[in-house]
Every structure is written in C-alpha cells, then in structure tokens.
C-alpha cells in the first residue's frame, strides 16, 4: 500500500475515533506523525498543551511537551513505542494480568506510584497524590494539608433503604460509613434504648471494613419476619470527632397470591 493511501486510511480512522473519548483516539494522531522525521528541536514552534491533569511529558522526539496520560489510562509499556502515550507525573505504566477478566487481553495502564492518601486543603481525603493533582490541576499555588487521610466525623455514604416484606421472609438493611479515625457502627430500632441484636435470635448484625478506604459497611438482618418487626431501624455511627445516623423503614405487608 502506498504511503498516501496509508495516510488516507488513518485519516478515516481518526475521523471515526472522534466518536470516542479523547483519551483513546490520541494514539491515531501519534501514528499519523510516525512518518515525520524529528529533525532539529525548535522549542519556539512547539504548541503549549492545555488541560493536563497529570502534567506534561516530552513527545516522541524528546522536544515538545504534550499531556501525560492520567491514572487508569492505557499507556505504552515500552518506552520505545509512542501510540498510547507516556504516563504523567507520579505515574508509571504497569501491566496487571491478574485484574483482567476472563477472556480479556490485559492492557497496560497508568498507575499512581504512591497509594498513600492525601488530605486536601478543603479537608477532603484523596486516594493518592495523583487524584489530588488531578483535582487541582487548574488551580495554582495549592498544596496538600498533609499526607494521610483527613481526620473528620463520620459521613454515611450509603444509608439504609426502606423495604417492604411479609411474614416469614428475611430482610437486610445496609449502611456504609467513612471517616478517620475509623468509625464505630451500631444498630437500633426506633423506640428502643437497646442496641441490636441484643438477645433476639432472629436478628443479627455484621460489619467489615470497606469498600472504600477508611470506610466501614454494616448490615442488619432480620430472619423469619414477624409483623412485630415492623418499624424504623437506625444506623448509628461515631468516632471522636462526631456522630451521625440514618434510618430505613421496614413495612409489613399482607402477602398476595403472586407472593406465594
């Protein structure tokens, strides 16, 4: 295939790729430039890249700056290739075959070199320095408050949901909380001073860490429902900085033919 034909095909591919996010079709532009000789580096001729949340890297000629790939973006594992692009500040290109789903071909992605949490100036915890830099990419003279999570009172990110059911069935209320220091989570039924489960054999509670960093998820399960179980169930959570709660309503309903 002659070079002009190759170029024409690539132009068509680039036009088609405009329907996809910019993060993915940049490689076609790089491929179009592969035939260009680098020549002498003329910095005055370089265009200044804009909106680069992961900072800038040098192009394949090592001359002009271009946006570095962000966390989670496909990248060139081999430094000699220049299709997907190089990772930006505090990022490295990794191939993790263990995370690929069955039947999928694993692809290298940009991963933050440090997974240490960052406390932002507004008191929000960021998963890592890369997420922090991305959030403040367009702002100048912004610095982190400190490394590690921000200390704060608990926040309920996923409150219990209202449910309807009938005698003999089971229901589960869930509650997701995040805070640092790690919060304590308990359950109560409205109108009772006792924390659940108490000595009630058909009620059980469970908690585990996650799914987010510095988070706790709790569940309240009621097995073999009785009409007397109807009511409001409250998720209480606290640490040394404060406390909060959220509730879910269980409504008993009379079973109809399709429920049987």
C-alpha atoms as a PDB file:
ATOM      1  CA  UNK A   1       0.000   0.000   0.000  1.00  0.00           C
ATOM      2  CA  UNK A   2       1.414   3.358  -0.995  1.00  0.00           C
ATOM      3  CA  UNK A   3       2.115   5.989   1.697  1.00  0.00           C
ATOM      4  CA  UNK A   4      -0.687   8.382   0.513  1.00  0.00           C
ATOM      5  CA  UNK A   5      -3.180   5.514   0.768  1.00  0.00           C
ATOM      6  CA  UNK A   6      -1.957   4.641   4.265  1.00  0.00           C
ATOM      7  CA  UNK A   7      -2.376   8.252   5.301  1.00  0.00           C
ATOM      8  CA  UNK A   8      -5.894   8.359   3.859  1.00  0.00           C
ATOM      9  CA  UNK A   9      -6.887   5.223   5.771  1.00  0.00           C
ATOM     10  CA  UNK A  10      -5.504   6.641   9.001  1.00  0.00           C
ATOM     11  CA  UNK A  11      -7.368   9.909   8.459  1.00  0.00           C
ATOM     12  CA  UNK A  12     -10.608   7.946   8.142  1.00  0.00           C
ATOM     13  CA  UNK A  13      -9.799   6.020  11.329  1.00  0.00           C
ATOM     14  CA  UNK A  14      -9.092   9.252  13.166  1.00  0.00           C
ATOM     15  CA  UNK A  15     -12.400  10.719  11.997  1.00  0.00           C
ATOM     16  CA  UNK A  16     -14.249   7.626  13.205  1.00  0.00           C
ATOM     17  CA  UNK A  17     -12.414   7.787  16.518  1.00  0.00           C
ATOM     18  CA  UNK A  18     -13.847  11.255  17.179  1.00  0.00           C
ATOM     19  CA  UNK A  19     -16.917   9.436  18.463  1.00  0.00           C
ATOM     20  CA  UNK A  20     -14.800   8.057  21.319  1.00  0.00           C
ATOM     21  CA  UNK A  21     -13.333   9.862  24.342  1.00  0.00           C
ATOM     22  CA  UNK A  22     -10.236  11.942  23.600  1.00  0.00           C
ATOM     23  CA  UNK A  23      -8.181   9.732  25.897  1.00  0.00           C
ATOM     24  CA  UNK A  24      -8.405   6.850  23.409  1.00  0.00           C
ATOM     25  CA  UNK A  25      -8.040   8.366  19.947  1.00  0.00           C
ATOM     26  CA  UNK A  26      -4.886  10.392  20.657  1.00  0.00           C
ATOM     27  CA  UNK A  27      -2.916   7.330  19.570  1.00  0.00           C
ATOM     28  CA  UNK A  28      -4.106   7.733  15.985  1.00  0.00           C
ATOM     29  CA  UNK A  29      -2.716  11.261  15.868  1.00  0.00           C
ATOM     30  CA  UNK A  30       0.596   9.924  17.151  1.00  0.00           C
ATOM     31  CA  UNK A  31       0.537   7.207  14.488  1.00  0.00           C
ATOM     32  CA  UNK A  32      -0.040   9.791  11.766  1.00  0.00           C
ATOM     33  CA  UNK A  33       3.086  11.597  12.929  1.00  0.00           C
ATOM     34  CA  UNK A  34       5.239   8.445  12.969  1.00  0.00           C
ATOM     35  CA  UNK A  35       6.282   9.105   9.381  1.00  0.00           C
ATOM     36  CA  UNK A  36       7.533  12.576  10.239  1.00  0.00           C
ATOM     37  CA  UNK A  37      11.243  12.979  10.910  1.00  0.00           C
ATOM     38  CA  UNK A  38      12.039  14.616  14.206  1.00  0.00           C
ATOM     39  CA  UNK A  39      14.672  16.914  12.821  1.00  0.00           C
ATOM     40  CA  UNK A  40      16.088  19.733  14.901  1.00  0.00           C
ATOM     41  CA  UNK A  41      14.158  20.649  18.049  1.00  0.00           C
ATOM     42  CA  UNK A  42      12.702  24.135  17.672  1.00  0.00           C
ATOM     43  CA  UNK A  43      11.060  24.927  21.011  1.00  0.00           C
ATOM     44  CA  UNK A  44       9.617  28.140  19.606  1.00  0.00           C
ATOM     45  CA  UNK A  45       7.495  26.046  17.232  1.00  0.00           C
ATOM     46  CA  UNK A  46       6.043  23.855  20.000  1.00  0.00           C
ATOM     47  CA  UNK A  47       2.426  24.437  20.928  1.00  0.00           C
ATOM     48  CA  UNK A  48       1.658  24.640  24.632  1.00  0.00           C
ATOM     49  CA  UNK A  49      -0.599  21.788  25.808  1.00  0.00           C
ATOM     50  CA  UNK A  50      -3.628  22.753  27.894  1.00  0.00           C
ATOM     51  CA  UNK A  51      -5.761  20.953  30.478  1.00  0.00           C
ATOM     52  CA  UNK A  52      -3.152  18.376  31.508  1.00  0.00           C
ATOM     53  CA  UNK A  53      -4.287  16.976  34.892  1.00  0.00           C
ATOM     54  CA  UNK A  54      -1.251  14.661  35.063  1.00  0.00           C
ATOM     55  CA  UNK A  55       1.248  17.267  33.917  1.00  0.00           C
ATOM     56  CA  UNK A  56       3.288  17.087  30.724  1.00  0.00           C
ATOM     57  CA  UNK A  57       5.807  14.712  29.147  1.00  0.00           C
ATOM     58  CA  UNK A  58       8.043  15.138  26.100  1.00  0.00           C
ATOM     59  CA  UNK A  59       6.817  13.925  22.725  1.00  0.00           C
ATOM     60  CA  UNK A  60       8.421  11.005  20.855  1.00  0.00           C
ATOM     61  CA  UNK A  61      11.154  13.328  19.583  1.00  0.00           C
ATOM     62  CA  UNK A  62      12.007  14.438  23.102  1.00  0.00           C
ATOM     63  CA  UNK A  63      11.327  18.026  22.138  1.00  0.00           C
ATOM     64  CA  UNK A  64       7.820  19.422  22.630  1.00  0.00           C
ATOM     65  CA  UNK A  65       5.684  18.927  25.744  1.00  0.00           C
ATOM     66  CA  UNK A  66       2.375  17.045  25.498  1.00  0.00           C
ATOM     67  CA  UNK A  67      -0.179  15.956  28.092  1.00  0.00           C
ATOM     68  CA  UNK A  68       0.868  12.926  30.113  1.00  0.00           C
ATOM     69  CA  UNK A  69      -1.614  10.081  30.453  1.00  0.00           C
ATOM     70  CA  UNK A  70      -3.714  10.078  33.618  1.00  0.00           C
ATOM     71  CA  UNK A  71      -4.348   7.343  36.181  1.00  0.00           C
ATOM     72  CA  UNK A  72      -6.208   4.398  34.645  1.00  0.00           C
ATOM     73  CA  UNK A  73      -5.465   5.418  31.055  1.00  0.00           C
ATOM     74  CA  UNK A  74      -3.900   2.943  28.620  1.00  0.00           C
ATOM     75  CA  UNK A  75      -0.196   3.640  28.087  1.00  0.00           C
ATOM     76  CA  UNK A  76       2.889   2.475  26.192  1.00  0.00           C
ATOM     77  CA  UNK A  77       4.671  -0.108  28.325  1.00  0.00           C
ATOM     78  CA  UNK A  78       7.717   0.006  26.057  1.00  0.00           C
ATOM     79  CA  UNK A  79       9.357   3.433  26.199  1.00  0.00           C
ATOM     80  CA  UNK A  80      10.264   2.999  22.533  1.00  0.00           C
ATOM     81  CA  UNK A  81       6.605   2.995  21.466  1.00  0.00           C
ATOM     82  CA  UNK A  82       4.544   6.154  21.103  1.00  0.00           C
ATOM     83  CA  UNK A  83       0.981   5.105  20.330  1.00  0.00           C
ATOM     84  CA  UNK A  84      -0.989   5.471  23.566  1.00  0.00           C
ATOM     85  CA  UNK A  85       1.469   7.860  25.170  1.00  0.00           C
ATOM     86  CA  UNK A  86       3.533   8.087  28.352  1.00  0.00           C
ATOM     87  CA  UNK A  87       2.222   8.404  31.899  1.00  0.00           C
ATOM     88  CA  UNK A  88       2.292  11.790  33.605  1.00  0.00           C
ATOM     89  CA  UNK A  89       3.648  12.991  36.943  1.00  0.00           C
ATOM     90  CA  UNK A  90       3.851  10.436  39.788  1.00  0.00           C
ATOM     91  CA  UNK A  91       2.542   7.697  37.466  1.00  0.00           C
ATOM     92  CA  UNK A  92       4.061   4.602  35.902  1.00  0.00           C
ATOM     93  CA  UNK A  93       2.867   2.217  33.196  1.00  0.00           C
ATOM     94  CA  UNK A  94       2.055  -1.268  34.511  1.00  0.00           C
ATOM     95  CA  UNK A  95       0.571  -4.452  33.085  1.00  0.00           C
ATOM     96  CA  UNK A  96      -1.500  -6.311  35.677  1.00  0.00           C
ATOM     97  CA  UNK A  97      -2.707  -9.582  34.182  1.00  0.00           C
ATOM     98  CA  UNK A  98      -4.389 -10.577  37.451  1.00  0.00           C
ATOM     99  CA  UNK A  99      -7.003  -7.819  37.104  1.00  0.00           C
ATOM    100  CA  UNK A 100      -8.074  -8.819  33.582  1.00  0.00           C
ATOM    101  CA  UNK A 101     -11.453 -10.521  33.320  1.00  0.00           C
ATOM    102  CA  UNK A 102     -11.754 -13.980  31.773  1.00  0.00           C
ATOM    103  CA  UNK A 103     -11.308 -13.773  28.013  1.00  0.00           C
ATOM    104  CA  UNK A 104      -9.950 -10.228  28.072  1.00  0.00           C
ATOM    105  CA  UNK A 105      -6.480  -9.288  26.879  1.00  0.00           C
ATOM    106  CA  UNK A 106      -4.742  -7.322  29.657  1.00  0.00           C
ATOM    107  CA  UNK A 107      -3.655  -3.817  28.697  1.00  0.00           C
ATOM    108  CA  UNK A 108      -1.026  -1.665  30.399  1.00  0.00           C
ATOM    109  CA  UNK A 109      -2.432   1.259  32.379  1.00  0.00           C
ATOM    110  CA  UNK A 110      -1.038   4.237  34.227  1.00  0.00           C
ATOM    111  CA  UNK A 111      -0.877   3.539  37.962  1.00  0.00           C
ATOM    112  CA  UNK A 112      -0.018   6.013  40.694  1.00  0.00           C
ATOM    113  CA  UNK A 113       3.402   5.220  42.164  1.00  0.00           C
ATOM    114  CA  UNK A 114       2.205   6.002  45.687  1.00  0.00           C
ATOM    115  CA  UNK A 115      -1.092   4.798  47.133  1.00  0.00           C
ATOM    116  CA  UNK A 116      -0.761   6.894  50.281  1.00  0.00           C
ATOM    117  CA  UNK A 117      -3.834   9.018  50.969  1.00  0.00           C
ATOM    118  CA  UNK A 118      -3.618  12.812  50.823  1.00  0.00           C
ATOM    119  CA  UNK A 119      -5.532  15.348  52.911  1.00  0.00           C
ATOM    120  CA  UNK A 120      -6.550  18.264  50.700  1.00  0.00           C
ATOM    121  CA  UNK A 121      -6.725  21.906  51.838  1.00  0.00           C
ATOM    122  CA  UNK A 122     -10.528  21.749  52.000  1.00  0.00           C
ATOM    123  CA  UNK A 123     -10.463  18.786  54.396  1.00  0.00           C
ATOM    124  CA  UNK A 124     -11.264  16.134  51.772  1.00  0.00           C
ATOM    125  CA  UNK A 125      -9.285  12.888  51.628  1.00  0.00           C
ATOM    126  CA  UNK A 126      -7.896  11.887  48.226  1.00  0.00           C
ATOM    127  CA  UNK A 127      -6.977   8.302  47.435  1.00  0.00           C
ATOM    128  CA  UNK A 128      -3.446   9.224  46.342  1.00  0.00           C
ATOM    129  CA  UNK A 129      -1.271  12.106  45.133  1.00  0.00           C
ATOM    130  CA  UNK A 130      -2.388  11.525  41.534  1.00  0.00           C
ATOM    131  CA  UNK A 131      -6.057  12.028  42.407  1.00  0.00           C
ATOM    132  CA  UNK A 132      -5.126  15.156  44.367  1.00  0.00           C
ATOM    133  CA  UNK A 133      -3.127  16.607  41.466  1.00  0.00           C
ATOM    134  CA  UNK A 134      -5.962  15.858  39.042  1.00  0.00           C
ATOM    135  CA  UNK A 135      -8.488  17.660  41.257  1.00  0.00           C
ATOM    136  CA  UNK A 136      -6.312  20.780  41.492  1.00  0.00           C
ATOM    137  CA  UNK A 137      -4.761  20.733  38.013  1.00  0.00           C
ATOM    138  CA  UNK A 138      -6.371  24.047  37.031  1.00  0.00           C
ATOM    139  CA  UNK A 139      -5.596  25.847  40.294  1.00  0.00           C
ATOM    140  CA  UNK A 140      -2.299  27.470  41.173  1.00  0.00           C
ATOM    141  CA  UNK A 141      -0.386  27.600  44.446  1.00  0.00           C
ATOM    142  CA  UNK A 142      -2.469  24.847  46.055  1.00  0.00           C
ATOM    143  CA  UNK A 143      -0.723  22.479  48.438  1.00  0.00           C
ATOM    144  CA  UNK A 144      -1.873  19.477  50.395  1.00  0.00           C
ATOM    145  CA  UNK A 145      -2.761  19.830  54.043  1.00  0.00           C
ATOM    146  CA  UNK A 146      -0.750  16.743  54.945  1.00  0.00           C
ATOM    147  CA  UNK A 147      -0.058  13.176  53.876  1.00  0.00           C
ATOM    148  CA  UNK A 148      -2.520  10.626  55.167  1.00  0.00           C
ATOM    149  CA  UNK A 149      -6.301  10.912  55.498  1.00  0.00           C
ATOM    150  CA  UNK A 150      -8.069  13.987  56.851  1.00  0.00           C
ATOM    151  CA  UNK A 151      -9.439  13.467  60.338  1.00  0.00           C
ATOM    152  CA  UNK A 152     -13.184  14.002  60.364  1.00  0.00           C
ATOM    153  CA  UNK A 153     -16.528  12.998  61.811  1.00  0.00           C
ATOM    154  CA  UNK A 154     -18.322  10.060  60.153  1.00  0.00           C
ATOM    155  CA  UNK A 155     -20.228  10.516  56.903  1.00  0.00           C
ATOM    156  CA  UNK A 156     -22.860   7.975  55.841  1.00  0.00           C
ATOM    157  CA  UNK A 157     -22.331   7.489  52.104  1.00  0.00           C
ATOM    158  CA  UNK A 158     -24.953   4.747  51.636  1.00  0.00           C
ATOM    159  CA  UNK A 159     -27.848   4.886  54.143  1.00  0.00           C
ATOM    160  CA  UNK A 160     -30.293   2.048  54.881  1.00  0.00           C
ATOM    161  CA  UNK A 161     -33.088   1.699  52.328  1.00  0.00           C
ATOM    162  CA  UNK A 162     -36.801   1.327  53.077  1.00  0.00           C
ATOM    163  CA  UNK A 163     -38.129  -2.197  52.485  1.00  0.00           C
ATOM    164  CA  UNK A 164     -41.482  -3.952  52.311  1.00  0.00           C
ATOM    165  CA  UNK A 165     -41.949  -7.636  53.025  1.00  0.00           C
ATOM    166  CA  UNK A 166     -44.191 -10.114  54.767  1.00  0.00           C
ATOM    167  CA  UNK A 167     -44.156 -12.755  57.496  1.00  0.00           C
ATOM    168  CA  UNK A 168     -41.561 -15.499  57.223  1.00  0.00           C
ATOM    169  CA  UNK A 169     -39.210 -13.761  54.798  1.00  0.00           C
ATOM    170  CA  UNK A 170     -35.830 -12.160  55.512  1.00  0.00           C
ATOM    171  CA  UNK A 171     -34.743  -8.536  55.087  1.00  0.00           C
ATOM    172  CA  UNK A 172     -31.323  -6.878  55.218  1.00  0.00           C
ATOM    173  CA  UNK A 173     -30.524  -3.228  55.918  1.00  0.00           C
ATOM    174  CA  UNK A 174     -27.118  -1.934  54.829  1.00  0.00           C
ATOM    175  CA  UNK A 175     -25.136   1.136  55.900  1.00  0.00           C
ATOM    176  CA  UNK A 176     -21.797   2.425  54.509  1.00  0.00           C
ATOM    177  CA  UNK A 177     -19.799   4.928  56.560  1.00  0.00           C
ATOM    178  CA  UNK A 178     -16.458   6.677  56.010  1.00  0.00           C
ATOM    179  CA  UNK A 179     -14.325   8.607  58.498  1.00  0.00           C
ATOM    180  CA  UNK A 180     -10.890   8.804  60.068  1.00  0.00           C
ATOM    181  CA  UNK A 181     -10.277   7.629  62.737  1.00  0.00           C
ATOM    182  CA  UNK A 182     -12.335   4.601  61.761  1.00  0.00           C
ATOM    183  CA  UNK A 183     -15.927   4.942  62.979  1.00  0.00           C
ATOM    184  CA  UNK A 184     -17.889   2.597  65.220  1.00  0.00           C
ATOM    185  CA  UNK A 185     -21.212   1.386  63.794  1.00  0.00           C
ATOM    186  CA  UNK A 186     -24.277   0.134  65.697  1.00  0.00           C
ATOM    187  CA  UNK A 187     -27.984  -0.505  65.068  1.00  0.00           C
ATOM    188  CA  UNK A 188     -31.126   0.372  66.984  1.00  0.00           C
ATOM    189  CA  UNK A 189     -34.850   0.066  66.433  1.00  0.00           C
ATOM    190  CA  UNK A 190     -36.682   3.348  66.948  1.00  0.00           C
ATOM    191  CA  UNK A 191     -38.429   3.398  70.316  1.00  0.00           C
ATOM    192  CA  UNK A 192     -35.914   1.056  71.944  1.00  0.00           C
ATOM    193  CA  UNK A 193     -32.881   2.039  74.022  1.00  0.00           C
ATOM    194  CA  UNK A 194     -31.151  -1.279  73.387  1.00  0.00           C
ATOM    195  CA  UNK A 195     -28.630  -1.743  70.601  1.00  0.00           C
ATOM    196  CA  UNK A 196     -29.333  -4.690  68.323  1.00  0.00           C
ATOM    197  CA  UNK A 197     -29.192  -7.649  68.195  1.00  0.00           C
ATOM    198  CA  UNK A 198     -29.493  -7.945  71.984  1.00  0.00           C
ATOM    199  CA  UNK A 199     -30.819 -11.406  72.868  1.00  0.00           C
ATOM    200  CA  UNK A 200     -33.121 -11.653  69.838  1.00  0.00           C
ATOM    201  CA  UNK A 201     -32.164 -14.822  67.959  1.00  0.00           C
ATOM    202  CA  UNK A 202     -33.812 -13.836  64.656  1.00  0.00           C
ATOM    203  CA  UNK A 203     -31.836 -10.567  64.349  1.00  0.00           C
ATOM    204  CA  UNK A 204     -28.127 -10.436  63.536  1.00  0.00           C
ATOM    205  CA  UNK A 205     -25.632  -7.667  62.763  1.00  0.00           C
ATOM    206  CA  UNK A 206     -22.343  -7.755  60.894  1.00  0.00           C
ATOM    207  CA  UNK A 207     -19.671  -5.225  59.919  1.00  0.00           C
ATOM    208  CA  UNK A 208     -16.494  -5.189  57.848  1.00  0.00           C
ATOM    209  CA  UNK A 209     -14.022  -2.673  56.532  1.00  0.00           C
ATOM    210  CA  UNK A 210     -14.515  -1.099  53.106  1.00  0.00           C
ATOM    211  CA  UNK A 211     -15.376  -0.982  50.337  1.00  0.00           C
ATOM    212  CA  UNK A 212     -13.675   2.434  50.400  1.00  0.00           C
ATOM    213  CA  UNK A 213     -10.527   3.362  52.281  1.00  0.00           C
ATOM    214  CA  UNK A 214     -11.268   4.341  55.880  1.00  0.00           C
ATOM    215  CA  UNK A 215     -14.785   3.024  55.487  1.00  0.00           C
ATOM    216  CA  UNK A 216     -16.999   0.561  57.343  1.00  0.00           C
ATOM    217  CA  UNK A 217     -20.026  -1.290  55.999  1.00  0.00           C
ATOM    218  CA  UNK A 218     -22.607  -2.712  58.378  1.00  0.00           C
ATOM    219  CA  UNK A 219     -25.650  -4.927  57.892  1.00  0.00           C
ATOM    220  CA  UNK A 220     -28.690  -5.702  59.975  1.00  0.00           C
ATOM    221  CA  UNK A 221     -30.508  -8.909  59.038  1.00  0.00           C
ATOM    222  CA  UNK A 222     -33.954  -9.912  60.271  1.00  0.00           C
ATOM    223  CA  UNK A 223     -34.756 -13.570  59.607  1.00  0.00           C
ATOM    224  CA  UNK A 224     -38.234 -15.056  59.647  1.00  0.00           C
ATOM    225  CA  UNK A 225     -40.052 -11.723  59.726  1.00  0.00           C
ATOM    226  CA  UNK A 226     -42.905 -11.118  62.130  1.00  0.00           C
ATOM    227  CA  UNK A 227     -45.404  -8.280  61.978  1.00  0.00           C
ATOM    228  CA  UNK A 228     -43.959  -7.020  65.261  1.00  0.00           C
ATOM    229  CA  UNK A 229     -40.662  -6.367  63.423  1.00  0.00           C
ATOM    230  CA  UNK A 230     -42.296  -3.508  61.526  1.00  0.00           C
ATOM    231  CA  UNK A 231     -40.655  -0.176  62.297  1.00  0.00           C
ATOM    232  CA  UNK A 232     -37.698   2.134  61.714  1.00  0.00           C
ATOM    233  CA  UNK A 233     -34.166   0.737  62.023  1.00  0.00           C
ATOM    234  CA  UNK A 234     -31.377   3.216  62.675  1.00  0.00           C
ATOM    235  CA  UNK A 235     -27.696   3.005  61.738  1.00  0.00           C
ATOM    236  CA  UNK A 236     -25.679   4.892  64.416  1.00  0.00           C
ATOM    237  CA  UNK A 237     -22.021   5.718  63.793  1.00  0.00           C
ATOM    238  CA  UNK A 238     -19.441   7.753  65.685  1.00  0.00           C
ATOM    239  CA  UNK A 239     -15.782   8.500  66.299  1.00  0.00           C
ATOM    240  CA  UNK A 240     -14.013  11.079  68.470  1.00  0.00           C
ATOM    241  CA  UNK A 241     -14.918  13.898  66.055  1.00  0.00           C
ATOM    242  CA  UNK A 242     -18.643  13.393  65.985  1.00  0.00           C
ATOM    243  CA  UNK A 243     -21.625  11.134  65.389  1.00  0.00           C
ATOM    244  CA  UNK A 244     -24.410  10.749  62.854  1.00  0.00           C
ATOM    245  CA  UNK A 245     -27.189   8.358  61.935  1.00  0.00           C
ATOM    246  CA  UNK A 246     -29.526   7.303  59.127  1.00  0.00           C
ATOM    247  CA  UNK A 247     -32.581   5.075  59.129  1.00  0.00           C
ATOM    248  CA  UNK A 248     -34.562   2.665  56.990  1.00  0.00           C
ATOM    249  CA  UNK A 249     -38.215   1.699  57.357  1.00  0.00           C
ATOM    250  CA  UNK A 250     -39.475  -1.888  57.311  1.00  0.00           C
ATOM    251  CA  UNK A 251     -43.154  -2.044  56.389  1.00  0.00           C
ATOM    252  CA  UNK A 252     -45.042  -5.301  56.816  1.00  0.00           C
ATOM    253  CA  UNK A 253     -47.487  -6.073  54.051  1.00  0.00           C
ATOM    254  CA  UNK A 254     -50.111  -8.731  53.660  1.00  0.00           C
ATOM    255  CA  UNK A 255     -48.988 -11.452  51.216  1.00  0.00           C
ATOM    256  CA  UNK A 256     -50.942 -11.751  47.978  1.00  0.00           C
ATOM    257  CA  UNK A 257     -51.299 -14.683  45.604  1.00  0.00           C
ATOM    258  CA  UNK A 258     -48.218 -13.907  43.479  1.00  0.00           C
ATOM    259  CA  UNK A 259     -46.027 -13.824  46.628  1.00  0.00           C
ATOM    260  CA  UNK A 260     -46.813 -17.438  47.456  1.00  0.00           C
END
